[in-house]
Amino acid sequence: MNELSLHHLIDDLAAKGWAQRHLILPQALTRELAAECRKRAHRGELSAAGVGRGSAQQLQEGIRGDHIQWLEPGQSEASDRYLELMDELRLALNRALFLGLEDFECHFALYAPGTFYLRHLDRFRDDDRRTVSAVFYLNEDWQAEQGGALRLYPADGSEHEVLPQAGTLALFLSADMPHEVLPATRERLSLTGWFRRRGNEVW
């Protein structure tokens, strides 16, 4: 991972509550991950994502339309390498910001044309472990007119849009940054994940 880009990512996250950098990971790995996501989708391994957690989780296409599959160690060389790089980022975030991040969870996400995810926060009401959200995009030659941006709503009342261009990594504070995924005119692929601290679950 590029050390200068890593430094800027962490500085921006601390100052603004969000950060983004382009081409922070090797281009070849980005392409391998895109191919991996499409292969899993072709095999029918991605499932419609729900809203909520545990027994309260529900499928609500009017809120969220992506299909996902969680990454686990040993599934593929590309996904293992991505998890290793995210663990390097976890350690760097802890060194610089003292966040106490203990692990990282993530999934492939595929949005078909026209699907979206309405404005929401990433931290559950009954589980405060998710601390920093991380979205890595896998879509080559993405054009602004194709839509599909990640729209962030910082506390100062502004809006910021991140285009889902291959090689772009976006970070933001899970509990404090409302955001949404806008509909696109083409298929949209990403790896969406969360750096988690030790926390409290309420059952």
N, C-alpha and C. Protein backbone atom coordinates (compact mmCIF):
# COMPACT_ATOMS: atom_id res chain seq x y z
N MET A 1 0.85 -1.19 0.00
CA MET A 1 0.00 0.00 0.00
C MET A 1 0.89 1.24 0.00
N ASN A 2 0.56 2.20 -0.85
CA ASN A 2 1.36 3.42 -1.00
C ASN A 2 1.39 4.20 0.32
N GLU A 3 2.61 4.43 0.86
CA GLU A 3 2.73 5.05 2.17
C GLU A 3 2.21 6.49 2.18
N LEU A 4 2.49 7.26 1.10
CA LEU A 4 2.03 8.66 1.05
C LEU A 4 0.51 8.72 0.99
N SER A 5 -0.09 7.86 0.15
CA SER A 5 -1.55 7.83 0.06
C SER A 5 -2.16 7.41 1.39
N LEU A 6 -1.51 6.47 2.07
CA LEU A 6 -1.99 6.01 3.37
C LEU A 6 -1.97 7.16 4.38
N HIS A 7 -0.88 7.93 4.36
CA HIS A 7 -0.76 9.07 5.26
C HIS A 7 -1.87 10.09 5.01
N HIS A 8 -2.13 10.39 3.73
CA HIS A 8 -3.19 11.35 3.40
C HIS A 8 -4.57 10.82 3.77
N LEU A 9 -4.79 9.55 3.56
CA LEU A 9 -6.07 8.94 3.94
C LEU A 9 -6.35 9.15 5.43
N ILE A 10 -5.37 8.82 6.25
CA ILE A 10 -5.55 8.90 7.69
C ILE A 10 -5.71 10.34 8.15
N ASP A 11 -4.93 11.24 7.58
CA ASP A 11 -5.06 12.67 7.94
C ASP A 11 -6.44 13.20 7.59
N ASP A 12 -6.93 12.86 6.40
CA ASP A 12 -8.26 13.34 5.98
C ASP A 12 -9.36 12.75 6.84
N LEU A 13 -9.25 11.48 7.17
CA LEU A 13 -10.25 10.84 8.02
C LEU A 13 -10.32 11.52 9.38
N ALA A 14 -9.17 11.84 9.95
CA ALA A 14 -9.12 12.51 11.25
C ALA A 14 -9.69 13.92 11.17
N ALA A 15 -9.44 14.63 10.06
CA ALA A 15 -9.85 16.02 9.95
C ALA A 15 -11.31 16.18 9.53
N LYS A 16 -11.78 15.31 8.64
CA LYS A 16 -13.09 15.52 8.02
C LYS A 16 -14.11 14.43 8.34
N GLY A 17 -13.66 13.30 8.87
CA GLY A 17 -14.57 12.18 9.09
C GLY A 17 -14.74 11.30 7.87
N TRP A 18 -14.08 11.65 6.76
CA TRP A 18 -14.10 10.82 5.56
C TRP A 18 -12.81 11.07 4.78
N ALA A 19 -12.50 10.14 3.89
CA ALA A 19 -11.29 10.27 3.07
C ALA A 19 -11.44 9.39 1.84
N GLN A 20 -10.75 9.75 0.76
CA GLN A 20 -10.73 8.90 -0.41
C GLN A 20 -9.39 9.06 -1.13
N ARG A 21 -8.94 7.98 -1.74
CA ARG A 21 -7.73 8.00 -2.57
C ARG A 21 -7.93 7.04 -3.73
N HIS A 22 -7.30 7.37 -4.85
CA HIS A 22 -7.41 6.56 -6.06
C HIS A 22 -6.11 5.79 -6.28
N LEU A 23 -6.23 4.57 -6.78
CA LEU A 23 -5.10 3.71 -7.11
C LEU A 23 -4.20 3.46 -5.90
N ILE A 24 -4.82 3.23 -4.74
CA ILE A 24 -4.04 2.99 -3.53
C ILE A 24 -3.56 1.54 -3.47
N LEU A 25 -4.24 0.63 -4.20
CA LEU A 25 -3.85 -0.77 -4.25
C LEU A 25 -3.41 -1.12 -5.67
N PRO A 26 -2.65 -2.19 -5.85
CA PRO A 26 -2.16 -2.56 -7.19
C PRO A 26 -3.31 -2.76 -8.18
N GLN A 27 -3.12 -2.23 -9.39
CA GLN A 27 -4.16 -2.33 -10.42
C GLN A 27 -4.48 -3.78 -10.76
N ALA A 28 -3.46 -4.64 -10.79
CA ALA A 28 -3.69 -6.04 -11.12
C ALA A 28 -4.59 -6.70 -10.07
N LEU A 29 -4.38 -6.36 -8.80
CA LEU A 29 -5.22 -6.92 -7.74
C LEU A 29 -6.66 -6.44 -7.88
N THR A 30 -6.83 -5.18 -8.22
CA THR A 30 -8.18 -4.63 -8.42
C THR A 30 -8.92 -5.41 -9.50
N ARG A 31 -8.23 -5.70 -10.60
CA ARG A 31 -8.87 -6.45 -11.69
C ARG A 31 -9.18 -7.89 -11.27
N GLU A 32 -8.28 -8.48 -10.51
CA GLU A 32 -8.53 -9.85 -10.02
C GLU A 32 -9.74 -9.89 -9.10
N LEU A 33 -9.90 -8.89 -8.27
CA LEU A 33 -11.04 -8.84 -7.36
C LEU A 33 -12.34 -8.63 -8.12
N ALA A 34 -12.31 -7.79 -9.17
CA ALA A 34 -13.51 -7.61 -10.00
C ALA A 34 -13.91 -8.92 -10.66
N ALA A 35 -12.92 -9.64 -11.19
CA ALA A 35 -13.20 -10.93 -11.83
C ALA A 35 -13.75 -11.92 -10.81
N GLU A 36 -13.21 -11.89 -9.60
CA GLU A 36 -13.67 -12.78 -8.53
C GLU A 36 -15.13 -12.50 -8.18
N CYS A 37 -15.48 -11.21 -8.08
CA CYS A 37 -16.86 -10.84 -7.76
C CYS A 37 -17.82 -11.33 -8.85
N ARG A 38 -17.46 -11.11 -10.10
CA ARG A 38 -18.32 -11.54 -11.21
C ARG A 38 -18.44 -13.07 -11.25
N LYS A 39 -17.35 -13.76 -10.97
CA LYS A 39 -17.38 -15.22 -10.97
C LYS A 39 -18.32 -15.73 -9.88
N ARG A 40 -18.25 -15.15 -8.71
CA ARG A 40 -19.14 -15.57 -7.63
C ARG A 40 -20.60 -15.28 -7.98
N ALA A 41 -20.84 -14.12 -8.60
CA ALA A 41 -22.20 -13.79 -9.00
C ALA A 41 -22.72 -14.77 -10.04
N HIS A 42 -21.87 -15.13 -11.01
CA HIS A 42 -22.25 -16.07 -12.06
C HIS A 42 -22.59 -17.44 -11.48
N ARG A 43 -21.91 -17.82 -10.40
CA ARG A 43 -22.17 -19.12 -9.76
C ARG A 43 -23.37 -19.06 -8.80
N GLY A 44 -23.96 -17.89 -8.68
CA GLY A 44 -25.13 -17.76 -7.81
C GLY A 44 -24.79 -17.68 -6.34
N GLU A 45 -23.56 -17.27 -6.00
CA GLU A 45 -23.12 -17.27 -4.61
C GLU A 45 -23.44 -15.97 -3.88
N LEU A 46 -23.81 -14.91 -4.60
CA LEU A 46 -24.18 -13.66 -3.96
C LEU A 46 -25.67 -13.69 -3.62
N SER A 47 -26.00 -13.19 -2.44
CA SER A 47 -27.38 -13.20 -1.97
C SER A 47 -27.89 -11.78 -1.76
N ALA A 48 -29.18 -11.60 -1.91
CA ALA A 48 -29.78 -10.29 -1.67
C ALA A 48 -29.48 -9.84 -0.24
N ALA A 49 -29.01 -8.60 -0.11
CA ALA A 49 -28.62 -8.07 1.20
C ALA A 49 -29.85 -7.60 1.96
N GLY A 50 -29.83 -7.79 3.26
CA GLY A 50 -30.94 -7.37 4.11
C GLY A 50 -30.65 -6.06 4.82
N VAL A 51 -31.67 -5.58 5.50
CA VAL A 51 -31.58 -4.38 6.33
C VAL A 51 -31.75 -4.81 7.78
N GLY A 52 -30.88 -4.35 8.66
CA GLY A 52 -30.94 -4.77 10.05
C GLY A 52 -29.93 -5.87 10.32
N ARG A 53 -30.06 -6.50 11.50
CA ARG A 53 -29.06 -7.46 11.95
C ARG A 53 -29.72 -8.64 12.63
N GLY A 54 -29.10 -9.81 12.46
CA GLY A 54 -29.57 -11.00 13.16
C GLY A 54 -31.00 -11.36 12.80
N SER A 55 -31.79 -11.69 13.80
CA SER A 55 -33.17 -12.13 13.58
C SER A 55 -34.06 -11.00 13.09
N ALA A 56 -33.61 -9.76 13.25
CA ALA A 56 -34.40 -8.61 12.82
C ALA A 56 -34.12 -8.22 11.37
N GLN A 57 -33.19 -8.92 10.71
CA GLN A 57 -32.82 -8.57 9.34
C GLN A 57 -33.96 -8.89 8.39
N GLN A 58 -34.21 -7.95 7.45
CA GLN A 58 -35.27 -8.11 6.47
C GLN A 58 -34.77 -7.70 5.10
N LEU A 59 -35.33 -8.33 4.06
CA LEU A 59 -35.07 -7.90 2.69
C LEU A 59 -36.05 -6.79 2.35
N GLN A 60 -35.51 -5.62 1.97
CA GLN A 60 -36.34 -4.48 1.61
C GLN A 60 -35.74 -3.80 0.39
N GLU A 61 -36.19 -4.25 -0.79
CA GLU A 61 -35.62 -3.73 -2.02
C GLU A 61 -35.88 -2.24 -2.21
N GLY A 62 -36.89 -1.70 -1.53
CA GLY A 62 -37.15 -0.27 -1.61
C GLY A 62 -36.15 0.55 -0.83
N ILE A 63 -35.32 -0.12 -0.02
CA ILE A 63 -34.27 0.55 0.75
C ILE A 63 -32.89 0.18 0.22
N ARG A 64 -32.71 -1.10 -0.08
CA ARG A 64 -31.38 -1.60 -0.43
C ARG A 64 -31.50 -2.68 -1.50
N GLY A 65 -30.69 -2.57 -2.58
CA GLY A 65 -30.85 -3.50 -3.70
C GLY A 65 -29.62 -4.29 -4.09
N ASP A 66 -28.58 -4.29 -3.25
CA ASP A 66 -27.36 -5.00 -3.63
C ASP A 66 -27.42 -6.47 -3.27
N HIS A 67 -26.56 -7.25 -3.93
CA HIS A 67 -26.34 -8.66 -3.61
C HIS A 67 -24.91 -8.81 -3.10
N ILE A 68 -24.71 -9.62 -2.07
CA ILE A 68 -23.43 -9.65 -1.38
C ILE A 68 -22.96 -11.08 -1.11
N GLN A 69 -21.65 -11.20 -0.86
CA GLN A 69 -21.08 -12.40 -0.25
C GLN A 69 -19.90 -11.99 0.62
N TRP A 70 -19.88 -12.47 1.85
CA TRP A 70 -18.83 -12.13 2.80
C TRP A 70 -17.52 -12.81 2.41
N LEU A 71 -16.41 -12.11 2.64
CA LEU A 71 -15.07 -12.68 2.42
C LEU A 71 -14.65 -13.44 3.66
N GLU A 72 -14.09 -14.60 3.44
CA GLU A 72 -13.50 -15.41 4.50
C GLU A 72 -12.10 -15.81 4.06
N PRO A 73 -11.15 -15.92 4.99
CA PRO A 73 -9.80 -16.35 4.62
C PRO A 73 -9.81 -17.69 3.89
N GLY A 74 -8.98 -17.79 2.85
CA GLY A 74 -8.84 -19.04 2.12
C GLY A 74 -9.76 -19.20 0.93
N GLN A 75 -10.62 -18.21 0.65
CA GLN A 75 -11.54 -18.34 -0.48
C GLN A 75 -10.84 -18.18 -1.82
N SER A 76 -9.87 -17.27 -1.90
CA SER A 76 -9.11 -17.06 -3.13
C SER A 76 -7.84 -16.29 -2.80
N GLU A 77 -6.87 -16.38 -3.69
CA GLU A 77 -5.62 -15.65 -3.49
C GLU A 77 -5.86 -14.15 -3.48
N ALA A 78 -6.71 -13.67 -4.39
CA ALA A 78 -6.97 -12.23 -4.49
C ALA A 78 -7.66 -11.71 -3.23
N SER A 79 -8.69 -12.42 -2.76
CA SER A 79 -9.39 -11.94 -1.58
C SER A 79 -8.52 -12.03 -0.33
N ASP A 80 -7.67 -13.03 -0.25
CA ASP A 80 -6.73 -13.12 0.87
C ASP A 80 -5.76 -11.94 0.87
N ARG A 81 -5.28 -11.57 -0.31
CA ARG A 81 -4.35 -10.43 -0.41
C ARG A 81 -5.06 -9.14 0.00
N TYR A 82 -6.31 -8.98 -0.40
CA TYR A 82 -7.06 -7.79 -0.02
C TYR A 82 -7.22 -7.73 1.50
N LEU A 83 -7.57 -8.84 2.11
CA LEU A 83 -7.72 -8.86 3.57
C LEU A 83 -6.41 -8.54 4.27
N GLU A 84 -5.27 -9.00 3.71
CA GLU A 84 -3.97 -8.68 4.28
C GLU A 84 -3.70 -7.17 4.21
N LEU A 85 -4.01 -6.55 3.07
CA LEU A 85 -3.79 -5.12 2.91
C LEU A 85 -4.69 -4.31 3.83
N MET A 86 -5.93 -4.76 4.01
CA MET A 86 -6.82 -4.06 4.93
C MET A 86 -6.35 -4.21 6.38
N ASP A 87 -5.70 -5.32 6.70
CA ASP A 87 -5.16 -5.46 8.05
C ASP A 87 -3.98 -4.50 8.25
N GLU A 88 -3.19 -4.29 7.20
CA GLU A 88 -2.13 -3.28 7.28
C GLU A 88 -2.72 -1.90 7.54
N LEU A 89 -3.83 -1.60 6.86
CA LEU A 89 -4.50 -0.31 7.08
C LEU A 89 -5.06 -0.23 8.50
N ARG A 90 -5.60 -1.31 9.00
CA ARG A 90 -6.11 -1.33 10.38
C ARG A 90 -5.01 -0.97 11.38
N LEU A 91 -3.85 -1.57 11.21
CA LEU A 91 -2.73 -1.28 12.12
C LEU A 91 -2.29 0.16 12.00
N ALA A 92 -2.27 0.69 10.77
CA ALA A 92 -1.87 2.08 10.56
C ALA A 92 -2.88 3.04 11.21
N LEU A 93 -4.16 2.75 11.09
CA LEU A 93 -5.18 3.57 11.74
C LEU A 93 -5.02 3.56 13.26
N ASN A 94 -4.72 2.39 13.80
CA ASN A 94 -4.52 2.31 15.25
C ASN A 94 -3.30 3.09 15.70
N ARG A 95 -2.22 2.99 14.93
CA ARG A 95 -1.00 3.72 15.30
C ARG A 95 -1.23 5.23 15.28
N ALA A 96 -1.94 5.71 14.28
CA ALA A 96 -2.09 7.16 14.10
C ALA A 96 -3.23 7.75 14.92
N LEU A 97 -4.34 7.01 15.05
CA LEU A 97 -5.54 7.59 15.64
C LEU A 97 -5.99 6.90 16.93
N PHE A 98 -5.27 5.85 17.36
CA PHE A 98 -5.57 5.17 18.63
C PHE A 98 -7.04 4.73 18.71
N LEU A 99 -7.52 4.08 17.65
CA LEU A 99 -8.93 3.70 17.57
C LEU A 99 -9.23 2.36 18.22
N GLY A 100 -8.21 1.57 18.49
CA GLY A 100 -8.44 0.27 19.11
C GLY A 100 -9.17 -0.71 18.20
N LEU A 101 -8.90 -0.63 16.89
CA LEU A 101 -9.56 -1.51 15.94
C LEU A 101 -9.02 -2.93 16.07
N GLU A 102 -9.92 -3.90 16.21
CA GLU A 102 -9.50 -5.28 16.46
C GLU A 102 -9.59 -6.17 15.25
N ASP A 103 -10.52 -5.89 14.33
CA ASP A 103 -10.66 -6.76 13.17
C ASP A 103 -11.32 -6.01 12.02
N PHE A 104 -11.49 -6.73 10.92
CA PHE A 104 -12.08 -6.16 9.71
C PHE A 104 -12.99 -7.20 9.09
N GLU A 105 -14.20 -6.80 8.76
CA GLU A 105 -15.14 -7.67 8.06
C GLU A 105 -15.54 -7.00 6.75
N CYS A 106 -15.74 -7.79 5.70
CA CYS A 106 -16.13 -7.17 4.44
C CYS A 106 -16.82 -8.17 3.53
N HIS A 107 -17.51 -7.63 2.54
CA HIS A 107 -18.19 -8.47 1.56
C HIS A 107 -18.09 -7.85 0.17
N PHE A 108 -18.17 -8.70 -0.84
CA PHE A 108 -18.41 -8.22 -2.19
C PHE A 108 -19.83 -7.66 -2.24
N ALA A 109 -20.03 -6.59 -3.00
CA ALA A 109 -21.36 -6.04 -3.22
C ALA A 109 -21.55 -5.78 -4.70
N LEU A 110 -22.64 -6.29 -5.24
CA LEU A 110 -22.97 -6.08 -6.64
C LEU A 110 -24.34 -5.40 -6.72
N TYR A 111 -24.36 -4.22 -7.33
CA TYR A 111 -25.60 -3.50 -7.59
C TYR A 111 -25.93 -3.63 -9.07
N ALA A 112 -27.07 -4.22 -9.39
CA ALA A 112 -27.54 -4.27 -10.76
C ALA A 112 -27.96 -2.87 -11.20
N PRO A 113 -28.00 -2.60 -12.50
CA PRO A 113 -28.45 -1.28 -12.97
C PRO A 113 -29.79 -0.88 -12.34
N GLY A 114 -29.87 0.35 -11.87
CA GLY A 114 -31.10 0.87 -11.30
C GLY A 114 -31.28 0.64 -9.82
N THR A 115 -30.44 -0.20 -9.20
CA THR A 115 -30.58 -0.46 -7.77
C THR A 115 -29.81 0.57 -6.95
N PHE A 116 -30.08 0.64 -5.67
CA PHE A 116 -29.57 1.72 -4.83
C PHE A 116 -29.60 1.28 -3.38
N TYR A 117 -29.12 2.17 -2.50
CA TYR A 117 -29.21 1.97 -1.05
C TYR A 117 -29.50 3.34 -0.45
N LEU A 118 -30.68 3.50 0.16
CA LEU A 118 -31.08 4.79 0.68
C LEU A 118 -30.18 5.25 1.83
N ARG A 119 -30.29 6.51 2.16
CA ARG A 119 -29.45 7.14 3.20
C ARG A 119 -29.55 6.36 4.51
N HIS A 120 -28.37 6.12 5.12
CA HIS A 120 -28.33 5.33 6.35
C HIS A 120 -26.98 5.54 7.05
N LEU A 121 -26.87 5.00 8.25
CA LEU A 121 -25.60 4.91 8.98
C LEU A 121 -25.18 3.45 9.03
N ASP A 122 -23.88 3.20 9.17
CA ASP A 122 -23.36 1.83 9.14
C ASP A 122 -23.33 1.16 10.51
N ARG A 123 -23.46 1.91 11.57
CA ARG A 123 -23.40 1.28 12.89
C ARG A 123 -24.79 0.88 13.35
N PHE A 124 -24.91 -0.36 13.83
CA PHE A 124 -26.20 -0.85 14.33
C PHE A 124 -26.52 -0.22 15.67
N ARG A 125 -27.81 -0.10 15.95
CA ARG A 125 -28.24 0.46 17.24
C ARG A 125 -27.84 -0.44 18.40
N ASP A 126 -27.78 -1.75 18.16
CA ASP A 126 -27.51 -2.69 19.24
C ASP A 126 -26.10 -3.27 19.19
N ASP A 127 -25.22 -2.65 18.41
CA ASP A 127 -23.84 -3.16 18.28
C ASP A 127 -22.96 -2.00 17.84
N ASP A 128 -22.08 -1.54 18.72
CA ASP A 128 -21.29 -0.33 18.43
C ASP A 128 -19.87 -0.63 17.97
N ARG A 129 -19.63 -1.86 17.47
CA ARG A 129 -18.26 -2.22 17.11
C ARG A 129 -17.77 -1.57 15.81
N ARG A 130 -18.63 -1.40 14.83
CA ARG A 130 -18.19 -0.81 13.57
C ARG A 130 -17.75 0.63 13.79
N THR A 131 -16.50 0.91 13.41
CA THR A 131 -15.90 2.21 13.70
C THR A 131 -15.53 2.98 12.43
N VAL A 132 -14.86 2.32 11.50
CA VAL A 132 -14.48 2.96 10.23
C VAL A 132 -14.98 2.09 9.09
N SER A 133 -15.77 2.67 8.19
CA SER A 133 -16.25 1.98 7.00
C SER A 133 -15.24 2.14 5.87
N ALA A 134 -15.10 1.10 5.06
CA ALA A 134 -14.14 1.11 3.95
C ALA A 134 -14.81 0.53 2.71
N VAL A 135 -14.83 1.30 1.63
CA VAL A 135 -15.42 0.84 0.37
C VAL A 135 -14.36 0.94 -0.72
N PHE A 136 -14.08 -0.19 -1.37
CA PHE A 136 -13.09 -0.24 -2.44
C PHE A 136 -13.81 -0.61 -3.73
N TYR A 137 -13.62 0.22 -4.77
CA TYR A 137 -14.40 0.07 -6.00
C TYR A 137 -13.64 -0.70 -7.06
N LEU A 138 -14.41 -1.44 -7.91
CA LEU A 138 -13.84 -2.41 -8.85
C LEU A 138 -14.29 -2.17 -10.29
N ASN A 139 -14.77 -0.97 -10.61
CA ASN A 139 -15.41 -0.71 -11.90
C ASN A 139 -14.52 0.11 -12.82
N GLU A 140 -13.97 -0.52 -13.84
CA GLU A 140 -13.08 0.18 -14.76
C GLU A 140 -13.87 1.09 -15.70
N ASP A 141 -13.24 2.21 -16.07
CA ASP A 141 -13.79 3.15 -17.06
C ASP A 141 -15.15 3.69 -16.64
N TRP A 142 -15.32 3.94 -15.36
CA TRP A 142 -16.59 4.49 -14.90
C TRP A 142 -16.68 5.97 -15.27
N GLN A 143 -17.84 6.38 -15.79
CA GLN A 143 -18.09 7.77 -16.17
C GLN A 143 -19.12 8.39 -15.23
N ALA A 144 -18.97 9.68 -14.94
CA ALA A 144 -19.86 10.35 -13.99
C ALA A 144 -21.32 10.25 -14.41
N GLU A 145 -21.58 10.30 -15.72
CA GLU A 145 -22.96 10.27 -16.19
C GLU A 145 -23.61 8.90 -16.00
N GLN A 146 -22.82 7.89 -15.62
CA GLN A 146 -23.39 6.57 -15.36
C GLN A 146 -23.98 6.45 -13.96
N GLY A 147 -23.80 7.48 -13.12
CA GLY A 147 -24.38 7.49 -11.78
C GLY A 147 -23.62 6.60 -10.82
N GLY A 148 -24.35 6.03 -9.83
CA GLY A 148 -23.77 5.07 -8.92
C GLY A 148 -22.84 5.60 -7.86
N ALA A 149 -22.83 6.91 -7.64
CA ALA A 149 -21.91 7.50 -6.67
C ALA A 149 -22.29 7.12 -5.24
N LEU A 150 -21.29 7.09 -4.38
CA LEU A 150 -21.49 7.05 -2.94
C LEU A 150 -21.62 8.50 -2.49
N ARG A 151 -22.77 8.87 -1.97
CA ARG A 151 -22.98 10.26 -1.52
C ARG A 151 -22.87 10.31 0.00
N LEU A 152 -21.93 11.12 0.48
CA LEU A 152 -21.71 11.30 1.91
C LEU A 152 -22.34 12.60 2.38
N TYR A 153 -22.80 12.61 3.63
CA TYR A 153 -23.42 13.79 4.22
C TYR A 153 -22.66 14.19 5.50
N PRO A 154 -21.55 14.93 5.36
CA PRO A 154 -20.80 15.36 6.55
C PRO A 154 -21.62 16.25 7.47
N ALA A 155 -21.14 16.39 8.70
CA ALA A 155 -21.88 17.13 9.73
C ALA A 155 -22.01 18.61 9.42
N ASP A 156 -21.16 19.15 8.54
CA ASP A 156 -21.23 20.59 8.22
C ASP A 156 -22.35 20.93 7.24
N GLY A 157 -23.16 19.93 6.85
CA GLY A 157 -24.27 20.18 5.96
C GLY A 157 -23.94 20.08 4.48
N SER A 158 -22.70 19.80 4.16
CA SER A 158 -22.30 19.66 2.76
C SER A 158 -22.61 18.26 2.26
N GLU A 159 -22.35 18.02 1.00
CA GLU A 159 -22.47 16.69 0.40
C GLU A 159 -21.19 16.41 -0.38
N HIS A 160 -20.79 15.16 -0.39
CA HIS A 160 -19.61 14.76 -1.17
C HIS A 160 -19.92 13.45 -1.87
N GLU A 161 -19.60 13.37 -3.16
CA GLU A 161 -19.86 12.17 -3.93
C GLU A 161 -18.56 11.51 -4.36
N VAL A 162 -18.51 10.19 -4.17
CA VAL A 162 -17.37 9.38 -4.58
C VAL A 162 -17.82 8.51 -5.74
N LEU A 163 -17.21 8.71 -6.92
CA LEU A 163 -17.54 7.86 -8.06
C LEU A 163 -16.95 6.48 -7.85
N PRO A 164 -17.66 5.42 -8.24
CA PRO A 164 -17.19 4.05 -8.00
C PRO A 164 -16.17 3.57 -9.02
N GLN A 165 -15.16 4.37 -9.26
CA GLN A 165 -14.11 4.06 -10.24
C GLN A 165 -13.13 3.03 -9.67
N ALA A 166 -12.78 2.04 -10.47
CA ALA A 166 -11.85 1.00 -10.03
C ALA A 166 -10.60 1.61 -9.41
N GLY A 167 -10.21 1.10 -8.24
CA GLY A 167 -9.01 1.56 -7.57
C GLY A 167 -9.23 2.65 -6.55
N THR A 168 -10.45 3.14 -6.40
CA THR A 168 -10.76 4.17 -5.41
C THR A 168 -11.15 3.53 -4.09
N LEU A 169 -10.51 3.99 -3.02
CA LEU A 169 -10.85 3.55 -1.67
C LEU A 169 -11.44 4.72 -0.91
N ALA A 170 -12.62 4.53 -0.33
CA ALA A 170 -13.26 5.56 0.50
C ALA A 170 -13.35 5.05 1.93
N LEU A 171 -13.00 5.91 2.87
CA LEU A 171 -13.13 5.62 4.30
C LEU A 171 -14.02 6.68 4.93
N PHE A 172 -14.82 6.28 5.94
CA PHE A 172 -15.58 7.26 6.70
C PHE A 172 -15.95 6.67 8.05
N LEU A 173 -16.29 7.53 8.99
CA LEU A 173 -16.62 7.10 10.33
C LEU A 173 -18.02 6.48 10.35
N SER A 174 -18.10 5.24 10.77
CA SER A 174 -19.32 4.45 10.63
C SER A 174 -20.51 5.03 11.39
N ALA A 175 -20.28 5.57 12.57
CA ALA A 175 -21.38 6.03 13.41
C ALA A 175 -21.82 7.45 13.09
N ASP A 176 -20.99 8.21 12.36
CA ASP A 176 -21.22 9.64 12.23
C ASP A 176 -21.47 10.13 10.82
N MET A 177 -21.38 9.26 9.82
CA MET A 177 -21.45 9.73 8.44
C MET A 177 -22.65 9.10 7.71
N PRO A 178 -23.78 9.80 7.67
CA PRO A 178 -24.88 9.31 6.83
C PRO A 178 -24.43 9.26 5.37
N HIS A 179 -24.93 8.28 4.64
CA HIS A 179 -24.51 8.12 3.24
C HIS A 179 -25.55 7.30 2.50
N GLU A 180 -25.48 7.35 1.17
CA GLU A 180 -26.35 6.54 0.34
C GLU A 180 -25.63 6.16 -0.94
N VAL A 181 -26.13 5.12 -1.60
CA VAL A 181 -25.61 4.69 -2.89
C VAL A 181 -26.65 5.04 -3.94
N LEU A 182 -26.26 5.85 -4.90
CA LEU A 182 -27.18 6.31 -5.93
C LEU A 182 -27.31 5.26 -7.04
N PRO A 183 -28.46 5.19 -7.70
CA PRO A 183 -28.63 4.22 -8.79
C PRO A 183 -27.70 4.52 -9.96
N ALA A 184 -27.34 3.48 -10.68
CA ALA A 184 -26.43 3.61 -11.82
C ALA A 184 -27.06 2.97 -13.06
N THR A 185 -26.51 3.30 -14.21
CA THR A 185 -27.00 2.74 -15.47
C THR A 185 -26.24 1.48 -15.87
N ARG A 186 -25.24 1.08 -15.07
CA ARG A 186 -24.49 -0.15 -15.35
C ARG A 186 -24.24 -0.88 -14.04
N GLU A 187 -23.82 -2.12 -14.14
CA GLU A 187 -23.49 -2.92 -12.97
C GLU A 187 -22.38 -2.24 -12.17
N ARG A 188 -22.50 -2.32 -10.85
CA ARG A 188 -21.57 -1.61 -9.96
C ARG A 188 -21.02 -2.60 -8.94
N LEU A 189 -19.70 -2.75 -8.88
CA LEU A 189 -19.05 -3.72 -8.01
C LEU A 189 -18.19 -3.01 -6.97
N SER A 190 -18.18 -3.57 -5.76
CA SER A 190 -17.31 -3.02 -4.72
C SER A 190 -17.01 -4.08 -3.68
N LEU A 191 -16.04 -3.77 -2.84
CA LEU A 191 -15.81 -4.49 -1.59
C LEU A 191 -16.14 -3.51 -0.47
N THR A 192 -17.12 -3.87 0.33
CA THR A 192 -17.58 -2.98 1.39
C THR A 192 -17.27 -3.63 2.73
N GLY A 193 -16.63 -2.87 3.62
CA GLY A 193 -16.22 -3.47 4.88
C GLY A 193 -16.15 -2.49 6.03
N TRP A 194 -15.86 -3.03 7.20
CA TRP A 194 -15.83 -2.25 8.43
C TRP A 194 -14.69 -2.68 9.33
N PHE A 195 -13.92 -1.70 9.77
CA PHE A 195 -12.93 -1.92 10.82
C PHE A 195 -13.68 -1.81 12.15
N ARG A 196 -13.52 -2.84 12.99
CA ARG A 196 -14.31 -2.92 14.21
C ARG A 196 -13.42 -2.90 15.45
N ARG A 197 -13.92 -2.22 16.46
CA ARG A 197 -13.27 -2.22 17.77
C ARG A 197 -14.00 -3.19 18.68
N ARG A 198 -13.44 -3.44 19.84
CA ARG A 198 -14.17 -4.20 20.86
C ARG A 198 -15.31 -3.31 21.34
N GLY A 199 -16.51 -3.88 21.41
CA GLY A 199 -17.66 -3.04 21.78
C GLY A 199 -18.69 -3.81 22.54
N ASN A 200 -19.87 -3.23 22.59
CA ASN A 200 -20.97 -3.81 23.35
C ASN A 200 -22.11 -4.18 22.42
N GLU A 201 -22.62 -5.38 22.59
CA GLU A 201 -23.80 -5.81 21.86
C GLU A 201 -24.98 -5.88 22.84
N VAL A 202 -26.12 -5.39 22.38
CA VAL A 202 -27.32 -5.42 23.20
C VAL A 202 -28.30 -6.38 22.55
N TRP A 203 -28.67 -7.42 23.27
CA TRP A 203 -29.58 -8.43 22.71
C TRP A 203 -30.95 -8.35 23.38
